């Protein structure tokens, strides 16, 4: 058997495996979506934290100077990292201080 024939056989086998894997994956997704029709997707439920974070995202660079956005980002970061919320007796995080160059009056 020469090299060209062997290469063609390997290519045909590879293509057959790829087509089979694709067909199996497509059939699995159809079965999952049919069984989940009664559940409400998480994205459609109202989430005030997510809505506020979207508002800060829309603000763009101005959100860096917004104390509310800084608090939201800190809350989201702590939630993501699994940190406990500070208790009433523990000191709160210091406020983020702005540099004089970042204020509109300095420009």
PDB file of N, CA and C in Angstrom:
ATOM      1  N   UNK A   1       0.858  -1.161   0.000  1.00  0.00           N
ATOM      2  CA  UNK A   1       0.000   0.000   0.000  1.00  0.00           C
ATOM      3  C   UNK A   1       0.913   1.237   0.000  1.00  0.00           C
ATOM      4  N   UNK A   2       0.645   2.126  -0.922  1.00  0.00           N
ATOM      5  CA  UNK A   2       1.485   3.310  -1.012  1.00  0.00           C
ATOM      6  C   UNK A   2       0.964   4.409  -0.080  1.00  0.00           C
ATOM      7  N   UNK A   3       1.703   5.495   0.050  1.00  0.00           N
ATOM      8  CA  UNK A   3       1.395   6.578   0.977  1.00  0.00           C
ATOM      9  C   UNK A   3       0.116   7.321   0.636  1.00  0.00           C
ATOM     10  N   UNK A   4      -0.163   7.506  -0.650  1.00  0.00           N
ATOM     11  CA  UNK A   4      -1.357   8.252  -1.053  1.00  0.00           C
ATOM     12  C   UNK A   4      -2.627   7.509  -0.649  1.00  0.00           C
ATOM     13  N   UNK A   5      -2.637   6.213  -0.856  1.00  0.00           N
ATOM     14  CA  UNK A   5      -3.810   5.412  -0.513  1.00  0.00           C
ATOM     15  C   UNK A   5      -4.039   5.423   0.994  1.00  0.00           C
ATOM     16  N   UNK A   6      -2.967   5.279   1.747  1.00  0.00           N
ATOM     17  CA  UNK A   6      -3.077   5.300   3.209  1.00  0.00           C
ATOM     18  C   UNK A   6      -3.591   6.664   3.691  1.00  0.00           C
ATOM     19  N   UNK A   7      -3.110   7.730   3.097  1.00  0.00           N
ATOM     20  CA  UNK A   7      -3.560   9.073   3.482  1.00  0.00           C
ATOM     21  C   UNK A   7      -5.041   9.258   3.169  1.00  0.00           C
ATOM     22  N   UNK A   8      -5.499   8.742   2.042  1.00  0.00           N
ATOM     23  CA  UNK A   8      -6.921   8.849   1.687  1.00  0.00           C
ATOM     24  C   UNK A   8      -7.797   8.069   2.651  1.00  0.00           C
ATOM     25  N   UNK A   9      -7.354   6.884   3.034  1.00  0.00           N
ATOM     26  CA  UNK A   9      -8.120   6.066   3.975  1.00  0.00           C
ATOM     27  C   UNK A   9      -8.229   6.772   5.324  1.00  0.00           C
ATOM     28  N   UNK A  10      -7.115   7.343   5.794  1.00  0.00           N
ATOM     29  CA  UNK A  10      -7.122   8.059   7.068  1.00  0.00           C
ATOM     30  C   UNK A  10      -8.042   9.273   6.977  1.00  0.00           C
ATOM     31  N   UNK A  11      -8.019  10.001   5.860  1.00  0.00           N
ATOM     32  CA  UNK A  11      -8.875  11.178   5.693  1.00  0.00           C
ATOM     33  C   UNK A  11     -10.352  10.798   5.690  1.00  0.00           C
ATOM     34  N   UNK A  12     -10.699   9.698   5.033  1.00  0.00           N
ATOM     35  CA  UNK A  12     -12.092   9.245   4.995  1.00  0.00           C
ATOM     36  C   UNK A  12     -12.555   8.824   6.388  1.00  0.00           C
ATOM     37  N   UNK A  13     -11.704   8.122   7.117  1.00  0.00           N
ATOM     38  CA  UNK A  13     -12.056   7.699   8.477  1.00  0.00           C
ATOM     39  C   UNK A  13     -12.236   8.924   9.372  1.00  0.00           C
ATOM     40  N   UNK A  14     -11.349   9.902   9.258  1.00  0.00           N
ATOM     41  CA  UNK A  14     -11.457  11.124  10.058  1.00  0.00           C
ATOM     42  C   UNK A  14     -12.756  11.876   9.746  1.00  0.00           C
ATOM     43  N   UNK A  15     -13.079  11.989   8.476  1.00  0.00           N
ATOM     44  CA  UNK A  15     -14.314  12.679   8.078  1.00  0.00           C
ATOM     45  C   UNK A  15     -15.533  11.930   8.615  1.00  0.00           C
ATOM     46  N   UNK A  16     -15.517  10.604   8.572  1.00  0.00           N
ATOM     47  CA  UNK A  16     -16.641   9.817   9.068  1.00  0.00           C
ATOM     48  C   UNK A  16     -16.815  10.006  10.575  1.00  0.00           C
ATOM     49  N   UNK A  17     -15.712  10.033  11.303  1.00  0.00           N
ATOM     50  CA  UNK A  17     -15.788  10.234  12.756  1.00  0.00           C
ATOM     51  C   UNK A  17     -16.310  11.636  13.066  1.00  0.00           C
ATOM     52  N   UNK A  18     -15.859  12.630  12.306  1.00  0.00           N
ATOM     53  CA  UNK A  18     -16.311  14.003  12.541  1.00  0.00           C
ATOM     54  C   UNK A  18     -17.800  14.149  12.261  1.00  0.00           C
ATOM     55  N   UNK A  19     -18.286  13.567  11.202  1.00  0.00           N
ATOM     56  CA  UNK A  19     -19.707  13.649  10.865  1.00  0.00           C
ATOM     57  C   UNK A  19     -20.539  12.927  11.926  1.00  0.00           C
ATOM     58  N   UNK A  20     -20.081  11.775  12.370  1.00  0.00           N
ATOM     59  CA  UNK A  20     -20.802  11.018  13.392  1.00  0.00           C
ATOM     60  C   UNK A  20     -20.861  11.800  14.713  1.00  0.00           C
ATOM     61  N   UNK A  21     -19.734  12.379  15.119  1.00  0.00           N
ATOM     62  CA  UNK A  21     -19.714  13.152  16.371  1.00  0.00           C
ATOM     63  C   UNK A  21     -20.628  14.363  16.274  1.00  0.00           C
ATOM     64  N   UNK A  22     -20.647  15.018  15.130  1.00  0.00           N
ATOM     65  CA  UNK A  22     -21.523  16.172  14.942  1.00  0.00           C
ATOM     66  C   UNK A  22     -22.989  15.769  15.011  1.00  0.00           C
ATOM     67  N   UNK A  23     -23.332  14.659  14.380  1.00  0.00           N
ATOM     68  CA  UNK A  23     -24.720  14.196  14.398  1.00  0.00           C
ATOM     69  C   UNK A  23     -25.152  13.830  15.817  1.00  0.00           C
ATOM     70  N   UNK A  24     -24.271  13.185  16.572  1.00  0.00           N
ATOM     71  CA  UNK A  24     -24.611  12.827  17.954  1.00  0.00           C
ATOM     72  C   UNK A  24     -24.788  14.079  18.813  1.00  0.00           C
ATOM     73  N   UNK A  25     -23.918  15.043  18.651  1.00  0.00           N
ATOM     74  CA  UNK A  25     -24.020  16.271  19.443  1.00  0.00           C
ATOM     75  C   UNK A  25     -25.288  17.048  19.113  1.00  0.00           C
ATOM     76  N   UNK A  26     -25.645  17.118  17.862  1.00  0.00           N
ATOM     77  CA  UNK A  26     -26.859  17.822  17.467  1.00  0.00           C
ATOM     78  C   UNK A  26     -28.100  17.129  18.025  1.00  0.00           C
ATOM     79  N   UNK A  27     -28.104  15.822  18.063  1.00  0.00           N
ATOM     80  CA  UNK A  27     -29.264  15.103  18.590  1.00  0.00           C
ATOM     81  C   UNK A  27     -29.385  15.289  20.099  1.00  0.00           C
ATOM     82  N   UNK A  28     -28.268  15.401  20.799  1.00  0.00           N
ATOM     83  CA  UNK A  28     -28.318  15.631  22.247  1.00  0.00           C
ATOM     84  C   UNK A  28     -28.898  16.996  22.563  1.00  0.00           C
ATOM     85  N   UNK A  29     -28.528  18.017  21.842  1.00  0.00           N
ATOM     86  CA  UNK A  29     -29.041  19.355  22.105  1.00  0.00           C
ATOM     87  C   UNK A  29     -30.546  19.423  21.873  1.00  0.00           C
ATOM     88  N   UNK A  30     -31.039  18.727  20.886  1.00  0.00           N
ATOM     89  CA  UNK A  30     -32.476  18.720  20.629  1.00  0.00           C
ATOM     90  C   UNK A  30     -33.221  18.075  21.778  1.00  0.00           C
ATOM     91  N   UNK A  31     -32.699  16.997  22.327  1.00  0.00           N
ATOM     92  CA  UNK A  31     -33.355  16.315  23.442  1.00  0.00           C
ATOM     93  C   UNK A  31     -33.367  17.192  24.687  1.00  0.00           C
ATOM     94  N   UNK A  32     -32.291  17.912  24.970  1.00  0.00           N
ATOM     95  CA  UNK A  32     -32.233  18.771  26.142  1.00  0.00           C
ATOM     96  C   UNK A  32     -33.215  19.924  26.030  1.00  0.00           C
ATOM     97  N   UNK A  33     -33.294  20.540  24.867  1.00  0.00           N
ATOM     98  CA  UNK A  33     -34.169  21.694  24.726  1.00  0.00           C
ATOM     99  C   UNK A  33     -35.640  21.288  24.811  1.00  0.00           C
ATOM    100  N   UNK A  34     -35.983  20.098  24.383  1.00  0.00           N
ATOM    101  CA  UNK A  34     -37.371  19.645  24.453  1.00  0.00           C
ATOM    102  C   UNK A  34     -37.785  19.385  25.898  1.00  0.00           C
ATOM    103  N   UNK A  35     -36.871  18.920  26.746  1.00  0.00           N
ATOM    104  CA  UNK A  35     -37.190  18.624  28.134  1.00  0.00           C
ATOM    105  C   UNK A  35     -37.212  19.846  29.020  1.00  0.00           C
ATOM    106  N   UNK A  36     -36.652  20.947  28.593  1.00  0.00           N
ATOM    107  CA  UNK A  36     -36.567  22.131  29.427  1.00  0.00           C
ATOM    108  C   UNK A  36     -37.616  23.172  29.080  1.00  0.00           C
ATOM    109  N   UNK A  37     -38.622  22.844  28.352  1.00  0.00           N
ATOM    110  CA  UNK A  37     -39.617  23.800  27.921  1.00  0.00           C
ATOM    111  C   UNK A  37     -40.418  24.398  29.058  1.00  0.00           C
ATOM    112  N   UNK A  38     -40.593  23.685  30.169  1.00  0.00           N
ATOM    113  CA  UNK A  38     -41.425  24.184  31.255  1.00  0.00           C
ATOM    114  C   UNK A  38     -40.657  25.086  32.217  1.00  0.00           C
ATOM    115  N   UNK A  39     -39.334  25.047  32.180  1.00  0.00           N
ATOM    116  CA  UNK A  39     -38.540  25.879  33.079  1.00  0.00           C
ATOM    117  C   UNK A  39     -38.387  27.287  32.521  1.00  0.00           C
ATOM    118  N   UNK A  40     -38.309  28.267  33.430  1.00  0.00           N
ATOM    119  CA  UNK A  40     -38.082  29.649  33.035  1.00  0.00           C
ATOM    120  C   UNK A  40     -36.578  29.886  32.980  1.00  0.00           C
ATOM    121  N   UNK A  41     -36.046  30.400  31.882  1.00  0.00           N
ATOM    122  CA  UNK A  41     -34.612  30.663  31.812  1.00  0.00           C
ATOM    123  C   UNK A  41     -34.199  31.710  32.836  1.00  0.00           C
ATOM    124  N   UNK A  42     -32.976  31.563  33.346  1.00  0.00           N
ATOM    125  CA  UNK A  42     -32.495  32.478  34.382  1.00  0.00           C
ATOM    126  C   UNK A  42     -32.366  33.893  33.855  1.00  0.00           C
ATOM    127  N   UNK A  43     -32.111  34.074  32.577  1.00  0.00           N
ATOM    128  CA  UNK A  43     -31.939  35.398  32.011  1.00  0.00           C
ATOM    129  C   UNK A  43     -33.226  36.207  31.971  1.00  0.00           C
ATOM    130  N   UNK A  44     -34.392  35.561  31.987  1.00  0.00           N
ATOM    131  CA  UNK A  44     -35.646  36.290  31.900  1.00  0.00           C
ATOM    132  C   UNK A  44     -36.163  36.750  33.258  1.00  0.00           C
ATOM    133  N   UNK A  45     -35.591  36.243  34.347  1.00  0.00           N
ATOM    134  CA  UNK A  45     -36.016  36.643  35.676  1.00  0.00           C
ATOM    135  C   UNK A  45     -35.364  37.981  36.025  1.00  0.00           C
ATOM    136  N   UNK A  46     -36.098  38.907  36.655  1.00  0.00           N
ATOM    137  CA  UNK A  46     -35.521  40.208  36.986  1.00  0.00           C
ATOM    138  C   UNK A  46     -34.418  40.068  38.034  1.00  0.00           C
ATOM    139  N   UNK A  47     -33.328  40.763  37.825  1.00  0.00           N
ATOM    140  CA  UNK A  47     -32.197  40.736  38.735  1.00  0.00           C
ATOM    141  C   UNK A  47     -31.728  42.177  38.920  1.00  0.00           C
ATOM    142  N   UNK A  48     -32.055  42.804  40.055  1.00  0.00           N
ATOM    143  CA  UNK A  48     -31.713  44.216  40.241  1.00  0.00           C
ATOM    144  C   UNK A  48     -30.209  44.464  40.215  1.00  0.00           C
ATOM    145  N   UNK A  49     -29.407  43.540  40.750  1.00  0.00           N
ATOM    146  CA  UNK A  49     -27.955  43.725  40.733  1.00  0.00           C
ATOM    147  C   UNK A  49     -27.445  43.745  39.299  1.00  0.00           C
ATOM    148  N   UNK A  50     -27.915  42.811  38.488  1.00  0.00           N
ATOM    149  CA  UNK A  50     -27.482  42.751  37.091  1.00  0.00           C
ATOM    150  C   UNK A  50     -27.917  44.005  36.335  1.00  0.00           C
ATOM    151  N   UNK A  51     -29.144  44.474  36.593  1.00  0.00           N
ATOM    152  CA  UNK A  51     -29.625  45.677  35.921  1.00  0.00           C
ATOM    153  C   UNK A  51     -28.775  46.888  36.296  1.00  0.00           C
ATOM    154  N   UNK A  52     -28.409  46.982  37.580  1.00  0.00           N
ATOM    155  CA  UNK A  52     -27.576  48.099  38.020  1.00  0.00           C
ATOM    156  C   UNK A  52     -26.184  48.020  37.417  1.00  0.00           C
ATOM    157  N   UNK A  53     -25.640  46.813  37.331  1.00  0.00           N
ATOM    158  CA  UNK A  53     -24.320  46.656  36.716  1.00  0.00           C
ATOM    159  C   UNK A  53     -24.364  47.017  35.234  1.00  0.00           C
ATOM    160  N   UNK A  54     -25.461  46.693  34.565  1.00  0.00           N
ATOM    161  CA  UNK A  54     -25.607  47.076  33.151  1.00  0.00           C
ATOM    162  C   UNK A  54     -25.645  48.599  33.017  1.00  0.00           C
ATOM    163  N   UNK A  55     -26.341  49.258  33.968  1.00  0.00           N
ATOM    164  CA  UNK A  55     -26.398  50.721  33.935  1.00  0.00           C
ATOM    165  C   UNK A  55     -24.996  51.309  34.086  1.00  0.00           C
ATOM    166  N   UNK A  56     -24.210  50.734  34.991  1.00  0.00           N
ATOM    167  CA  UNK A  56     -22.838  51.215  35.171  1.00  0.00           C
ATOM    168  C   UNK A  56     -21.997  50.935  33.926  1.00  0.00           C
ATOM    169  N   UNK A  57     -22.255  49.832  33.269  1.00  0.00           N
ATOM    170  CA  UNK A  57     -21.525  49.508  32.055  1.00  0.00           C
ATOM    171  C   UNK A  57     -21.818  50.531  30.963  1.00  0.00           C
ATOM    172  N   UNK A  58     -23.067  50.961  30.883  1.00  0.00           N
ATOM    173  CA  UNK A  58     -23.463  51.937  29.869  1.00  0.00           C
ATOM    174  C   UNK A  58     -22.822  53.296  30.159  1.00  0.00           C
ATOM    175  N   UNK A  59     -22.600  53.620  31.446  1.00  0.00           N
ATOM    176  CA  UNK A  59     -21.991  54.897  31.791  1.00  0.00           C
ATOM    177  C   UNK A  59     -20.565  55.024  31.248  1.00  0.00           C
ATOM    178  N   UNK A  60     -19.920  53.894  31.073  1.00  0.00           N
ATOM    179  CA  UNK A  60     -18.558  53.915  30.534  1.00  0.00           C
ATOM    180  C   UNK A  60     -17.566  54.456  31.545  1.00  0.00           C
ATOM    181  N   UNK A  61     -16.719  55.380  31.104  1.00  0.00           N
ATOM    182  CA  UNK A  61     -15.661  55.907  31.954  1.00  0.00           C
ATOM    183  C   UNK A  61     -16.217  56.716  33.123  1.00  0.00           C
ATOM    184  N   UNK A  62     -17.384  57.292  32.959  1.00  0.00           N
ATOM    185  CA  UNK A  62     -18.001  58.068  34.042  1.00  0.00           C
ATOM    186  C   UNK A  62     -18.325  57.179  35.240  1.00  0.00           C
ATOM    187  N   UNK A  63     -18.486  55.883  35.042  1.00  0.00           N
ATOM    188  CA  UNK A  63     -18.803  54.971  36.139  1.00  0.00           C
ATOM    189  C   UNK A  63     -17.636  54.861  37.118  1.00  0.00           C
ATOM    190  N   UNK A  64     -16.424  55.169  36.659  1.00  0.00           N
ATOM    191  CA  UNK A  64     -15.270  55.119  37.557  1.00  0.00           C
ATOM    192  C   UNK A  64     -15.382  56.155  38.668  1.00  0.00           C
ATOM    193  N   UNK A  65     -16.077  57.249  38.411  1.00  0.00           N
ATOM    194  CA  UNK A  65     -16.234  58.318  39.400  1.00  0.00           C
ATOM    195  C   UNK A  65     -17.559  58.206  40.155  1.00  0.00           C
ATOM    196  N   UNK A  66     -18.348  57.196  39.866  1.00  0.00           N
ATOM    197  CA  UNK A  66     -19.660  57.026  40.484  1.00  0.00           C
ATOM    198  C   UNK A  66     -19.524  56.109  41.695  1.00  0.00           C
ATOM    199  N   UNK A  67     -19.853  56.637  42.893  1.00  0.00           N
ATOM    200  CA  UNK A  67     -19.730  55.831  44.115  1.00  0.00           C
ATOM    201  C   UNK A  67     -20.657  54.623  44.103  1.00  0.00           C
ATOM    202  N   UNK A  68     -21.849  54.786  43.551  1.00  0.00           N
ATOM    203  CA  UNK A  68     -22.798  53.674  43.489  1.00  0.00           C
ATOM    204  C   UNK A  68     -22.250  52.521  42.673  1.00  0.00           C
ATOM    205  N   UNK A  69     -21.614  52.835  41.550  1.00  0.00           N
ATOM    206  CA  UNK A  69     -21.034  51.780  40.711  1.00  0.00           C
ATOM    207  C   UNK A  69     -19.874  51.094  41.429  1.00  0.00           C
ATOM    208  N   UNK A  70     -19.078  51.872  42.150  1.00  0.00           N
ATOM    209  CA  UNK A  70     -17.965  51.280  42.899  1.00  0.00           C
ATOM    210  C   UNK A  70     -18.488  50.294  43.942  1.00  0.00           C
ATOM    211  N   UNK A  71     -19.574  50.664  44.628  1.00  0.00           N
ATOM    212  CA  UNK A  71     -20.165  49.749  45.614  1.00  0.00           C
ATOM    213  C   UNK A  71     -20.719  48.492  44.946  1.00  0.00           C
ATOM    214  N   UNK A  72     -21.379  48.679  43.799  1.00  0.00           N
ATOM    215  CA  UNK A  72     -21.925  47.523  43.084  1.00  0.00           C
ATOM    216  C   UNK A  72     -20.811  46.578  42.642  1.00  0.00           C
ATOM    217  N   UNK A  73     -19.730  47.133  42.119  1.00  0.00           N
ATOM    218  CA  UNK A  73     -18.622  46.296  41.668  1.00  0.00           C
ATOM    219  C   UNK A  73     -17.989  45.553  42.837  1.00  0.00           C
ATOM    220  N   UNK A  74     -17.873  46.240  43.981  1.00  0.00           N
ATOM    221  CA  UNK A  74     -17.324  45.582  45.166  1.00  0.00           C
ATOM    222  C   UNK A  74     -18.233  44.442  45.621  1.00  0.00           C
ATOM    223  N   UNK A  75     -19.535  44.688  45.607  1.00  0.00           N
ATOM    224  CA  UNK A  75     -20.489  43.638  45.993  1.00  0.00           C
ATOM    225  C   UNK A  75     -20.410  42.451  45.036  1.00  0.00           C
ATOM    226  N   UNK A  76     -20.340  42.729  43.747  1.00  0.00           N
ATOM    227  CA  UNK A  76     -20.258  41.658  42.756  1.00  0.00           C
ATOM    228  C   UNK A  76     -18.950  40.886  42.904  1.00  0.00           C
ATOM    229  N   UNK A  77     -17.851  41.611  43.143  1.00  0.00           N
ATOM    230  CA  UNK A  77     -16.554  40.958  43.330  1.00  0.00           C
ATOM    231  C   UNK A  77     -16.587  40.041  44.539  1.00  0.00           C
ATOM    232  N   UNK A  78     -17.134  40.539  45.665  1.00  0.00           N
ATOM    233  CA  UNK A  78     -17.211  39.724  46.873  1.00  0.00           C
ATOM    234  C   UNK A  78     -18.100  38.509  46.657  1.00  0.00           C
ATOM    235  N   UNK A  79     -19.195  38.709  45.943  1.00  0.00           N
ATOM    236  CA  UNK A  79     -20.100  37.588  45.646  1.00  0.00           C
ATOM    237  C   UNK A  79     -19.410  36.558  44.778  1.00  0.00           C
ATOM    238  N   UNK A  80     -18.655  37.016  43.805  1.00  0.00           N
ATOM    239  CA  UNK A  80     -17.932  36.110  42.907  1.00  0.00           C
ATOM    240  C   UNK A  80     -16.862  35.329  43.660  1.00  0.00           C
ATOM    241  N   UNK A  81     -16.142  36.016  44.549  1.00  0.00           N
ATOM    242  CA  UNK A  81     -15.060  35.370  45.292  1.00  0.00           C
ATOM    243  C   UNK A  81     -15.558  34.561  46.479  1.00  0.00           C
ATOM    244  N   UNK A  82     -16.844  34.677  46.810  1.00  0.00           N
ATOM    245  CA  UNK A  82     -17.407  33.910  47.913  1.00  0.00           C
ATOM    246  C   UNK A  82     -17.065  34.497  49.272  1.00  0.00           C
ATOM    247  N   UNK A  83     -16.757  35.777  49.317  1.00  0.00           N
ATOM    248  CA  UNK A  83     -16.429  36.426  50.587  1.00  0.00           C
ATOM    249  C   UNK A  83     -17.707  36.744  51.341  1.00  0.00           C
ATOM    250  N   UNK A  84     -17.603  36.715  52.665  1.00  0.00           N
ATOM    251  CA  UNK A  84     -18.766  37.036  53.486  1.00  0.00           C
ATOM    252  C   UNK A  84     -18.998  38.536  53.475  1.00  0.00           C
ATOM    253  N   UNK A  85     -20.244  38.929  53.665  1.00  0.00           N
ATOM    254  CA  UNK A  85     -20.564  40.352  53.767  1.00  0.00           C
ATOM    255  C   UNK A  85     -20.035  40.863  55.096  1.00  0.00           C
ATOM    256  N   UNK A  86     -19.575  42.116  55.135  1.00  0.00           N
ATOM    257  CA  UNK A  86     -19.067  42.652  56.402  1.00  0.00           C
ATOM    258  C   UNK A  86     -20.188  42.788  57.425  1.00  0.00           C
ATOM    259  N   UNK A  87     -19.853  42.481  58.666  1.00  0.00           N
ATOM    260  CA  UNK A  87     -20.838  42.615  59.742  1.00  0.00           C
ATOM    261  C   UNK A  87     -20.901  44.066  60.179  1.00  0.00           C
ATOM    262  N   UNK A  88     -21.872  44.392  61.004  1.00  0.00           N
ATOM    263  CA  UNK A  88     -22.054  45.774  61.443  1.00  0.00           C
ATOM    264  C   UNK A  88     -20.876  46.252  62.276  1.00  0.00           C
ATOM    265  N   UNK A  89     -20.195  45.336  62.998  1.00  0.00           N
ATOM    266  CA  UNK A  89     -19.085  45.744  63.855  1.00  0.00           C
ATOM    267  C   UNK A  89     -17.780  45.903  63.085  1.00  0.00           C
ATOM    268  N   UNK A  90     -17.681  45.307  61.904  1.00  0.00           N
ATOM    269  CA  UNK A  90     -16.430  45.413  61.155  1.00  0.00           C
ATOM    270  C   UNK A  90     -16.381  46.734  60.403  1.00  0.00           C
ATOM    271  N   UNK A  91     -15.195  47.279  60.229  1.00  0.00           N
ATOM    272  CA  UNK A  91     -15.090  48.550  59.500  1.00  0.00           C
ATOM    273  C   UNK A  91     -15.422  48.368  58.032  1.00  0.00           C
ATOM    274  N   UNK A  92     -16.030  49.367  57.457  1.00  0.00           N
ATOM    275  CA  UNK A  92     -16.391  49.321  56.043  1.00  0.00           C
ATOM    276  C   UNK A  92     -15.163  49.630  55.215  1.00  0.00           C
ATOM    277  N   UNK A  93     -15.236  49.278  53.934  1.00  0.00           N
ATOM    278  CA  UNK A  93     -14.131  49.568  53.034  1.00  0.00           C
ATOM    279  C   UNK A  93     -13.965  51.075  52.907  1.00  0.00           C
ATOM    280  N   UNK A  94     -12.722  51.540  52.822  1.00  0.00           N
ATOM    281  CA  UNK A  94     -12.538  52.974  52.634  1.00  0.00           C
ATOM    282  C   UNK A  94     -13.051  53.403  51.272  1.00  0.00           C
ATOM    283  N   UNK A  95     -13.531  54.622  51.204  1.00  0.00           N
ATOM    284  CA  UNK A  95     -14.053  55.141  49.941  1.00  0.00           C
ATOM    285  C   UNK A  95     -12.914  55.292  48.943  1.00  0.00           C
ATOM    286  N   UNK A  96     -13.215  55.078  47.699  1.00  0.00           N
ATOM    287  CA  UNK A  96     -12.221  55.215  46.652  1.00  0.00           C
ATOM    288  C   UNK A  96     -11.996  56.703  46.428  1.00  0.00           C
ATOM    289  N   UNK A  97     -10.758  57.135  46.604  1.00  0.00           N
ATOM    290  CA  UNK A  97     -10.463  58.548  46.436  1.00  0.00           C
ATOM    291  C   UNK A  97     -10.091  58.820  44.993  1.00  0.00           C
ATOM    292  N   UNK A  98     -10.570  59.934  44.496  1.00  0.00           N
ATOM    293  CA  UNK A  98     -10.284  60.305  43.119  1.00  0.00           C
ATOM    294  C   UNK A  98      -9.031  61.160  43.097  1.00  0.00           C
ATOM    295  N   UNK A  99      -8.266  60.992  42.047  1.00  0.00           N
ATOM    296  CA  UNK A  99      -7.102  61.845  41.883  1.00  0.00           C
ATOM    297  C   UNK A  99      -7.562  63.217  41.411  1.00  0.00           C
ATOM    298  N   UNK A 100      -6.823  64.252  41.715  1.00  0.00           N
ATOM    299  CA  UNK A 100      -7.245  65.583  41.267  1.00  0.00           C
ATOM    300  C   UNK A 100      -7.344  65.692  39.758  1.00  0.00           C
ATOM    301  N   UNK A 101      -6.579  64.933  39.010  1.00  0.00           N
ATOM    302  CA  UNK A 101      -6.623  64.988  37.549  1.00  0.00           C
ATOM    303  C   UNK A 101      -7.913  64.390  37.015  1.00  0.00           C
ATOM    304  N   UNK A 102      -8.576  63.539  37.803  1.00  0.00           N
ATOM    305  CA  UNK A 102      -9.787  62.865  37.326  1.00  0.00           C
ATOM    306  C   UNK A 102     -11.025  63.728  37.489  1.00  0.00           C
ATOM    307  N   UNK A 103     -10.933  64.798  38.278  1.00  0.00           N
ATOM    308  CA  UNK A 103     -12.104  65.643  38.465  1.00  0.00           C
ATOM    309  C   UNK A 103     -12.233  66.628  37.321  1.00  0.00           C
ATOM    310  N   UNK A 104     -13.451  66.994  36.943  1.00  0.00           N
ATOM    311  CA  UNK A 104     -13.642  67.906  35.817  1.00  0.00           C
ATOM    312  C   UNK A 104     -13.078  69.297  36.080  1.00  0.00           C
ATOM    313  N   UNK A 105     -13.021  69.737  37.381  1.00  0.00           N
ATOM    314  CA  UNK A 105     -12.542  71.068  37.680  1.00  0.00           C
ATOM    315  C   UNK A 105     -11.057  71.217  37.376  1.00  0.00           C
ATOM    316  N   UNK A 106     -10.289  70.120  37.461  1.00  0.00           N
ATOM    317  CA  UNK A 106      -8.839  70.182  37.264  1.00  0.00           C
ATOM    318  C   UNK A 106      -8.462  70.306  35.809  1.00  0.00           C
ATOM    319  N   UNK A 107      -9.394  70.113  34.896  1.00  0.00           N
ATOM    320  CA  UNK A 107      -9.066  70.145  33.475  1.00  0.00           C
ATOM    321  C   UNK A 107      -9.223  71.499  32.876  1.00  0.00           C
TER     322      UNK A 107
END
